């Protein structure tokens, strides 16, 4: 799984200067489509591959959000951090 150049330009590279985008995009590698599906469609995964037992997470977590992030909005990051 790999985003098209157009998808990447909108969602991942929108803050990279236009003249540098294709060079950055050319370094993209393919990611696991299965992992993306398990995370993106976790409500439909009967095997619960992406399930996290919240009570068992006992270590500190670093949650970072950015105002111009088009993949994970700051509101989602705040929701996760509140947990």
PDB file of N, CA and C in Angstrom:
ATOM      1  N   UNK A   1       0.855  -1.164   0.000  1.00  0.00           N
ATOM      2  CA  UNK A   1       0.000   0.000   0.000  1.00  0.00           C
ATOM      3  C   UNK A   1       0.901   1.227   0.000  1.00  0.00           C
ATOM      4  N   UNK A   2       0.608   2.142  -0.883  1.00  0.00           N
ATOM      5  CA  UNK A   2       1.379   3.385  -0.982  1.00  0.00           C
ATOM      6  C   UNK A   2       0.438   4.452  -1.531  1.00  0.00           C
ATOM      7  N   UNK A   3       0.420   5.636  -0.925  1.00  0.00           N
ATOM      8  CA  UNK A   3      -0.471   6.673  -1.446  1.00  0.00           C
ATOM      9  C   UNK A   3      -0.016   7.125  -2.829  1.00  0.00           C
ATOM     10  N   UNK A   4      -0.957   7.590  -3.623  1.00  0.00           N
ATOM     11  CA  UNK A   4      -0.581   8.192  -4.895  1.00  0.00           C
ATOM     12  C   UNK A   4       0.120   9.519  -4.589  1.00  0.00           C
ATOM     13  N   UNK A   5       0.782  10.059  -5.587  1.00  0.00           N
ATOM     14  CA  UNK A   5       1.452  11.346  -5.379  1.00  0.00           C
ATOM     15  C   UNK A   5       0.446  12.413  -4.968  1.00  0.00           C
ATOM     16  N   UNK A   6      -0.702  12.425  -5.618  1.00  0.00           N
ATOM     17  CA  UNK A   6      -1.725  13.422  -5.297  1.00  0.00           C
ATOM     18  C   UNK A   6      -2.205  13.291  -3.851  1.00  0.00           C
ATOM     19  N   UNK A   7      -2.452  12.045  -3.404  1.00  0.00           N
ATOM     20  CA  UNK A   7      -2.873  11.817  -2.014  1.00  0.00           C
ATOM     21  C   UNK A   7      -1.786  12.255  -1.034  1.00  0.00           C
ATOM     22  N   UNK A   8      -0.548  11.910  -1.351  1.00  0.00           N
ATOM     23  CA  UNK A   8       0.563  12.274  -0.465  1.00  0.00           C
ATOM     24  C   UNK A   8       0.764  13.782  -0.429  1.00  0.00           C
ATOM     25  N   UNK A   9       0.645  14.431  -1.574  1.00  0.00           N
ATOM     26  CA  UNK A   9       0.822  15.884  -1.627  1.00  0.00           C
ATOM     27  C   UNK A   9      -0.204  16.593  -0.749  1.00  0.00           C
ATOM     28  N   UNK A  10      -1.435  16.089  -0.737  1.00  0.00           N
ATOM     29  CA  UNK A  10      -2.476  16.699   0.085  1.00  0.00           C
ATOM     30  C   UNK A  10      -2.313  16.363   1.565  1.00  0.00           C
ATOM     31  N   UNK A  11      -2.111  15.097   1.866  1.00  0.00           N
ATOM     32  CA  UNK A  11      -2.200  14.652   3.254  1.00  0.00           C
ATOM     33  C   UNK A  11      -0.879  14.645   4.008  1.00  0.00           C
ATOM     34  N   UNK A  12       0.212  14.411   3.340  1.00  0.00           N
ATOM     35  CA  UNK A  12       1.490  14.235   4.021  1.00  0.00           C
ATOM     36  C   UNK A  12       2.522  15.306   3.685  1.00  0.00           C
ATOM     37  N   UNK A  13       2.466  15.826   2.491  1.00  0.00           N
ATOM     38  CA  UNK A  13       3.522  16.720   2.023  1.00  0.00           C
ATOM     39  C   UNK A  13       3.064  18.160   1.831  1.00  0.00           C
ATOM     40  N   UNK A  14       1.897  18.513   2.332  1.00  0.00           N
ATOM     41  CA  UNK A  14       1.339  19.839   2.062  1.00  0.00           C
ATOM     42  C   UNK A  14       2.189  20.984   2.607  1.00  0.00           C
ATOM     43  N   UNK A  15       3.064  20.724   3.570  1.00  0.00           N
ATOM     44  CA  UNK A  15       3.925  21.779   4.110  1.00  0.00           C
ATOM     45  C   UNK A  15       5.347  21.721   3.546  1.00  0.00           C
ATOM     46  N   UNK A  16       5.615  20.738   2.705  1.00  0.00           N
ATOM     47  CA  UNK A  16       6.916  20.618   2.047  1.00  0.00           C
ATOM     48  C   UNK A  16       6.877  21.522   0.816  1.00  0.00           C
ATOM     49  N   UNK A  17       7.919  22.317   0.577  1.00  0.00           N
ATOM     50  CA  UNK A  17       7.912  23.182  -0.604  1.00  0.00           C
ATOM     51  C   UNK A  17       7.637  22.379  -1.889  1.00  0.00           C
ATOM     52  N   UNK A  18       6.860  22.959  -2.781  1.00  0.00           N
ATOM     53  CA  UNK A  18       6.426  22.295  -4.012  1.00  0.00           C
ATOM     54  C   UNK A  18       7.589  21.655  -4.773  1.00  0.00           C
ATOM     55  N   UNK A  19       8.705  22.340  -4.897  1.00  0.00           N
ATOM     56  CA  UNK A  19       9.834  21.840  -5.676  1.00  0.00           C
ATOM     57  C   UNK A  19      10.530  20.651  -5.019  1.00  0.00           C
ATOM     58  N   UNK A  20      10.253  20.372  -3.740  1.00  0.00           N
ATOM     59  CA  UNK A  20      10.882  19.250  -3.038  1.00  0.00           C
ATOM     60  C   UNK A  20       9.963  18.037  -2.905  1.00  0.00           C
ATOM     61  N   UNK A  21       8.691  18.200  -3.171  1.00  0.00           N
ATOM     62  CA  UNK A  21       7.714  17.129  -2.919  1.00  0.00           C
ATOM     63  C   UNK A  21       7.993  15.851  -3.686  1.00  0.00           C
ATOM     64  N   UNK A  22       8.288  15.937  -4.964  1.00  0.00           N
ATOM     65  CA  UNK A  22       8.479  14.707  -5.741  1.00  0.00           C
ATOM     66  C   UNK A  22       9.698  13.945  -5.252  1.00  0.00           C
ATOM     67  N   UNK A  23      10.754  14.642  -4.835  1.00  0.00           N
ATOM     68  CA  UNK A  23      11.939  13.971  -4.299  1.00  0.00           C
ATOM     69  C   UNK A  23      11.636  13.232  -3.007  1.00  0.00           C
ATOM     70  N   UNK A  24      10.839  13.851  -2.161  1.00  0.00           N
ATOM     71  CA  UNK A  24      10.435  13.197  -0.913  1.00  0.00           C
ATOM     72  C   UNK A  24       9.523  12.015  -1.221  1.00  0.00           C
ATOM     73  N   UNK A  25       8.576  12.220  -2.120  1.00  0.00           N
ATOM     74  CA  UNK A  25       7.641  11.148  -2.473  1.00  0.00           C
ATOM     75  C   UNK A  25       8.373   9.946  -3.061  1.00  0.00           C
ATOM     76  N   UNK A  26       9.397  10.176  -3.854  1.00  0.00           N
ATOM     77  CA  UNK A  26      10.153   9.077  -4.466  1.00  0.00           C
ATOM     78  C   UNK A  26      10.814   8.173  -3.427  1.00  0.00           C
ATOM     79  N   UNK A  27      10.989   8.663  -2.218  1.00  0.00           N
ATOM     80  CA  UNK A  27      11.602   7.849  -1.150  1.00  0.00           C
ATOM     81  C   UNK A  27      10.571   7.067  -0.341  1.00  0.00           C
ATOM     82  N   UNK A  28       9.300   7.251  -0.636  1.00  0.00           N
ATOM     83  CA  UNK A  28       8.252   6.495   0.054  1.00  0.00           C
ATOM     84  C   UNK A  28       8.397   5.007  -0.267  1.00  0.00           C
ATOM     85  N   UNK A  29       8.092   4.183   0.704  1.00  0.00           N
ATOM     86  CA  UNK A  29       8.104   2.737   0.502  1.00  0.00           C
ATOM     87  C   UNK A  29       6.689   2.212   0.703  1.00  0.00           C
ATOM     88  N   UNK A  30       6.469   0.989   0.285  1.00  0.00           N
ATOM     89  CA  UNK A  30       5.150   0.382   0.451  1.00  0.00           C
ATOM     90  C   UNK A  30       4.956  -0.046   1.900  1.00  0.00           C
ATOM     91  N   UNK A  31       3.774   0.171   2.408  1.00  0.00           N
ATOM     92  CA  UNK A  31       3.390  -0.205   3.761  1.00  0.00           C
ATOM     93  C   UNK A  31       2.418  -1.369   3.689  1.00  0.00           C
ATOM     94  N   UNK A  32       2.231  -2.027   4.798  1.00  0.00           N
ATOM     95  CA  UNK A  32       1.319  -3.164   4.851  1.00  0.00           C
ATOM     96  C   UNK A  32      -0.129  -2.713   4.726  1.00  0.00           C
ATOM     97  N   UNK A  33      -0.787  -3.173   3.685  1.00  0.00           N
ATOM     98  CA  UNK A  33      -2.209  -2.878   3.520  1.00  0.00           C
ATOM     99  C   UNK A  33      -3.036  -3.535   4.605  1.00  0.00           C
ATOM    100  N   UNK A  34      -2.594  -4.702   5.035  1.00  0.00           N
ATOM    101  CA  UNK A  34      -3.336  -5.411   6.085  1.00  0.00           C
ATOM    102  C   UNK A  34      -3.289  -4.621   7.390  1.00  0.00           C
ATOM    103  N   UNK A  35      -2.112  -4.139   7.762  1.00  0.00           N
ATOM    104  CA  UNK A  35      -2.000  -3.357   9.000  1.00  0.00           C
ATOM    105  C   UNK A  35      -2.853  -2.094   8.921  1.00  0.00           C
ATOM    106  N   UNK A  36      -2.832  -1.433   7.777  1.00  0.00           N
ATOM    107  CA  UNK A  36      -3.637  -0.224   7.613  1.00  0.00           C
ATOM    108  C   UNK A  36      -5.119  -0.537   7.737  1.00  0.00           C
ATOM    109  N   UNK A  37      -5.546  -1.641   7.161  1.00  0.00           N
ATOM    110  CA  UNK A  37      -6.955  -2.030   7.239  1.00  0.00           C
ATOM    111  C   UNK A  37      -7.343  -2.386   8.675  1.00  0.00           C
ATOM    112  N   UNK A  38      -6.461  -3.097   9.372  1.00  0.00           N
ATOM    113  CA  UNK A  38      -6.768  -3.473  10.757  1.00  0.00           C
ATOM    114  C   UNK A  38      -6.891  -2.246  11.651  1.00  0.00           C
ATOM    115  N   UNK A  39      -6.082  -1.230  11.390  1.00  0.00           N
ATOM    116  CA  UNK A  39      -6.167   0.000  12.174  1.00  0.00           C
ATOM    117  C   UNK A  39      -7.340   0.872  11.726  1.00  0.00           C
ATOM    118  N   UNK A  40      -7.482   1.025  10.427  1.00  0.00           N
ATOM    119  CA  UNK A  40      -8.506   1.913   9.893  1.00  0.00           C
ATOM    120  C   UNK A  40      -9.922   1.391  10.003  1.00  0.00           C
ATOM    121  N   UNK A  41     -10.069   0.075  10.000  1.00  0.00           N
ATOM    122  CA  UNK A  41     -11.397  -0.529  10.060  1.00  0.00           C
ATOM    123  C   UNK A  41     -11.528  -1.446  11.273  1.00  0.00           C
ATOM    124  N   UNK A  42     -10.948  -1.015  12.393  1.00  0.00           N
ATOM    125  CA  UNK A  42     -10.913  -1.869  13.586  1.00  0.00           C
ATOM    126  C   UNK A  42     -12.311  -2.247  14.075  1.00  0.00           C
ATOM    127  N   UNK A  43     -13.301  -1.403  13.830  1.00  0.00           N
ATOM    128  CA  UNK A  43     -14.663  -1.723  14.275  1.00  0.00           C
ATOM    129  C   UNK A  43     -15.222  -2.940  13.550  1.00  0.00           C
ATOM    130  N   UNK A  44     -14.671  -3.263  12.387  1.00  0.00           N
ATOM    131  CA  UNK A  44     -15.165  -4.385  11.592  1.00  0.00           C
ATOM    132  C   UNK A  44     -14.277  -5.623  11.684  1.00  0.00           C
ATOM    133  N   UNK A  45     -13.196  -5.533  12.458  1.00  0.00           N
ATOM    134  CA  UNK A  45     -12.241  -6.646  12.565  1.00  0.00           C
ATOM    135  C   UNK A  45     -12.669  -7.587  13.683  1.00  0.00           C
ATOM    136  N   UNK A  46     -13.212  -8.712  13.321  1.00  0.00           N
ATOM    137  CA  UNK A  46     -13.703  -9.657  14.330  1.00  0.00           C
ATOM    138  C   UNK A  46     -12.574 -10.283  15.144  1.00  0.00           C
ATOM    139  N   UNK A  47     -11.329 -10.214  14.634  1.00  0.00           N
ATOM    140  CA  UNK A  47     -10.182 -10.758  15.372  1.00  0.00           C
ATOM    141  C   UNK A  47      -9.554  -9.728  16.310  1.00  0.00           C
ATOM    142  N   UNK A  48      -9.998  -8.487  16.198  1.00  0.00           N
ATOM    143  CA  UNK A  48      -9.540  -7.392  17.059  1.00  0.00           C
ATOM    144  C   UNK A  48      -8.015  -7.251  17.076  1.00  0.00           C
ATOM    145  N   UNK A  49      -7.419  -7.279  15.916  1.00  0.00           N
ATOM    146  CA  UNK A  49      -5.960  -7.208  15.790  1.00  0.00           C
ATOM    147  C   UNK A  49      -5.383  -5.910  16.339  1.00  0.00           C
ATOM    148  N   UNK A  50      -6.123  -4.821  16.251  1.00  0.00           N
ATOM    149  CA  UNK A  50      -5.623  -3.524  16.706  1.00  0.00           C
ATOM    150  C   UNK A  50      -6.124  -3.157  18.108  1.00  0.00           C
ATOM    151  N   UNK A  51      -6.775  -4.090  18.780  1.00  0.00           N
ATOM    152  CA  UNK A  51      -7.325  -3.803  20.111  1.00  0.00           C
ATOM    153  C   UNK A  51      -6.209  -3.557  21.122  1.00  0.00           C
ATOM    154  N   UNK A  52      -6.392  -2.549  21.942  1.00  0.00           N
ATOM    155  CA  UNK A  52      -5.454  -2.238  23.021  1.00  0.00           C
ATOM    156  C   UNK A  52      -6.234  -2.264  24.323  1.00  0.00           C
ATOM    157  N   UNK A  53      -5.785  -3.064  25.258  1.00  0.00           N
ATOM    158  CA  UNK A  53      -6.395  -3.110  26.585  1.00  0.00           C
ATOM    159  C   UNK A  53      -5.845  -1.920  27.370  1.00  0.00           C
ATOM    160  N   UNK A  54      -6.631  -0.853  27.441  1.00  0.00           N
ATOM    161  CA  UNK A  54      -6.160   0.401  28.034  1.00  0.00           C
ATOM    162  C   UNK A  54      -5.619   0.240  29.449  1.00  0.00           C
ATOM    163  N   UNK A  55      -6.240  -0.593  30.248  1.00  0.00           N
ATOM    164  CA  UNK A  55      -5.820  -0.760  31.647  1.00  0.00           C
ATOM    165  C   UNK A  55      -4.418  -1.359  31.753  1.00  0.00           C
ATOM    166  N   UNK A  56      -3.962  -2.027  30.709  1.00  0.00           N
ATOM    167  CA  UNK A  56      -2.644  -2.650  30.752  1.00  0.00           C
ATOM    168  C   UNK A  56      -1.528  -1.725  30.266  1.00  0.00           C
ATOM    169  N   UNK A  57      -1.873  -0.549  29.792  1.00  0.00           N
ATOM    170  CA  UNK A  57      -0.861   0.427  29.387  1.00  0.00           C
ATOM    171  C   UNK A  57      -0.489   1.222  30.623  1.00  0.00           C
ATOM    172  N   UNK A  58       0.675   0.953  31.164  1.00  0.00           N
ATOM    173  CA  UNK A  58       1.086   1.580  32.423  1.00  0.00           C
ATOM    174  C   UNK A  58       2.284   2.504  32.271  1.00  0.00           C
ATOM    175  N   UNK A  59       2.868   2.551  31.095  1.00  0.00           N
ATOM    176  CA  UNK A  59       4.028   3.417  30.882  1.00  0.00           C
ATOM    177  C   UNK A  59       3.564   4.788  30.369  1.00  0.00           C
ATOM    178  N   UNK A  60       4.395   5.811  30.524  1.00  0.00           N
ATOM    179  CA  UNK A  60       4.035   7.130  29.984  1.00  0.00           C
ATOM    180  C   UNK A  60       3.984   7.068  28.450  1.00  0.00           C
ATOM    181  N   UNK A  61       3.091   7.845  27.875  1.00  0.00           N
ATOM    182  CA  UNK A  61       2.968   7.925  26.428  1.00  0.00           C
ATOM    183  C   UNK A  61       3.210   9.358  25.984  1.00  0.00           C
ATOM    184  N   UNK A  62       3.867   9.527  24.864  1.00  0.00           N
ATOM    185  CA  UNK A  62       4.071  10.847  24.276  1.00  0.00           C
ATOM    186  C   UNK A  62       3.059  11.001  23.157  1.00  0.00           C
ATOM    187  N   UNK A  63       2.152  11.931  23.310  1.00  0.00           N
ATOM    188  CA  UNK A  63       1.119  12.193  22.312  1.00  0.00           C
ATOM    189  C   UNK A  63       1.395  13.573  21.729  1.00  0.00           C
ATOM    190  N   UNK A  64       1.622  13.632  20.426  1.00  0.00           N
ATOM    191  CA  UNK A  64       1.947  14.897  19.768  1.00  0.00           C
ATOM    192  C   UNK A  64       0.905  15.181  18.703  1.00  0.00           C
ATOM    193  N   UNK A  65       0.429  16.394  18.671  1.00  0.00           N
ATOM    194  CA  UNK A  65      -0.521  16.807  17.644  1.00  0.00           C
ATOM    195  C   UNK A  65      -0.066  18.109  17.031  1.00  0.00           C
ATOM    196  N   UNK A  66      -0.516  18.367  15.838  1.00  0.00           N
ATOM    197  CA  UNK A  66      -0.151  19.607  15.157  1.00  0.00           C
ATOM    198  C   UNK A  66      -1.403  20.222  14.539  1.00  0.00           C
ATOM    199  N   UNK A  67      -1.468  21.496  14.565  1.00  0.00           N
ATOM    200  CA  UNK A  67      -2.635  22.204  14.072  1.00  0.00           C
ATOM    201  C   UNK A  67      -2.912  21.996  12.596  1.00  0.00           C
ATOM    202  N   UNK A  68      -1.885  21.738  11.797  1.00  0.00           N
ATOM    203  CA  UNK A  68      -2.076  21.564  10.354  1.00  0.00           C
ATOM    204  C   UNK A  68      -1.944  20.107   9.925  1.00  0.00           C
ATOM    205  N   UNK A  69      -2.009  19.184  10.872  1.00  0.00           N
ATOM    206  CA  UNK A  69      -1.911  17.754  10.568  1.00  0.00           C
ATOM    207  C   UNK A  69      -3.177  17.317   9.856  1.00  0.00           C
ATOM    208  N   UNK A  70      -3.034  16.746   8.677  1.00  0.00           N
ATOM    209  CA  UNK A  70      -4.197  16.307   7.910  1.00  0.00           C
ATOM    210  C   UNK A  70      -4.445  14.808   8.036  1.00  0.00           C
ATOM    211  N   UNK A  71      -3.605  14.105   8.742  1.00  0.00           N
ATOM    212  CA  UNK A  71      -3.780  12.666   8.929  1.00  0.00           C
ATOM    213  C   UNK A  71      -4.498  12.397  10.247  1.00  0.00           C
ATOM    214  N   UNK A  72      -3.960  12.937  11.336  1.00  0.00           N
ATOM    215  CA  UNK A  72      -4.571  12.768  12.650  1.00  0.00           C
ATOM    216  C   UNK A  72      -4.842  14.154  13.226  1.00  0.00           C
ATOM    217  N   UNK A  73      -6.078  14.596  13.211  1.00  0.00           N
ATOM    218  CA  UNK A  73      -6.402  15.939  13.704  1.00  0.00           C
ATOM    219  C   UNK A  73      -6.038  16.116  15.177  1.00  0.00           C
ATOM    220  N   UNK A  74      -5.747  17.345  15.547  1.00  0.00           N
ATOM    221  CA  UNK A  74      -5.394  17.648  16.929  1.00  0.00           C
ATOM    222  C   UNK A  74      -6.488  17.206  17.894  1.00  0.00           C
ATOM    223  N   UNK A  75      -7.737  17.252  17.469  1.00  0.00           N
ATOM    224  CA  UNK A  75      -8.831  16.823  18.355  1.00  0.00           C
ATOM    225  C   UNK A  75      -8.722  15.344  18.698  1.00  0.00           C
ATOM    226  N   UNK A  76      -8.273  14.539  17.763  1.00  0.00           N
ATOM    227  CA  UNK A  76      -8.084  13.102  18.039  1.00  0.00           C
ATOM    228  C   UNK A  76      -6.917  12.896  18.999  1.00  0.00           C
ATOM    229  N   UNK A  77      -5.849  13.667  18.805  1.00  0.00           N
ATOM    230  CA  UNK A  77      -4.697  13.566  19.695  1.00  0.00           C
ATOM    231  C   UNK A  77      -5.089  13.964  21.116  1.00  0.00           C
ATOM    232  N   UNK A  78      -5.891  15.029  21.250  1.00  0.00           N
ATOM    233  CA  UNK A  78      -6.353  15.448  22.582  1.00  0.00           C
ATOM    234  C   UNK A  78      -7.220  14.361  23.227  1.00  0.00           C
ATOM    235  N   UNK A  79      -8.064  13.704  22.432  1.00  0.00           N
ATOM    236  CA  UNK A  79      -8.915  12.633  22.942  1.00  0.00           C
ATOM    237  C   UNK A  79      -8.055  11.469  23.445  1.00  0.00           C
ATOM    238  N   UNK A  80      -7.042  11.085  22.699  1.00  0.00           N
ATOM    239  CA  UNK A  80      -6.148   9.999  23.115  1.00  0.00           C
ATOM    240  C   UNK A  80      -5.377  10.408  24.372  1.00  0.00           C
ATOM    241  N   UNK A  81      -4.868  11.621  24.389  1.00  0.00           N
ATOM    242  CA  UNK A  81      -4.102  12.092  25.554  1.00  0.00           C
ATOM    243  C   UNK A  81      -4.957  12.122  26.814  1.00  0.00           C
ATOM    244  N   UNK A  82      -6.236  12.422  26.673  1.00  0.00           N
ATOM    245  CA  UNK A  82      -7.123  12.477  27.835  1.00  0.00           C
ATOM    246  C   UNK A  82      -7.332  11.094  28.438  1.00  0.00           C
ATOM    247  N   UNK A  83      -7.206  10.057  27.640  1.00  0.00           N
ATOM    248  CA  UNK A  83      -7.376   8.706  28.148  1.00  0.00           C
ATOM    249  C   UNK A  83      -6.233   8.373  29.070  1.00  0.00           C
TER     250      UNK A  83
END
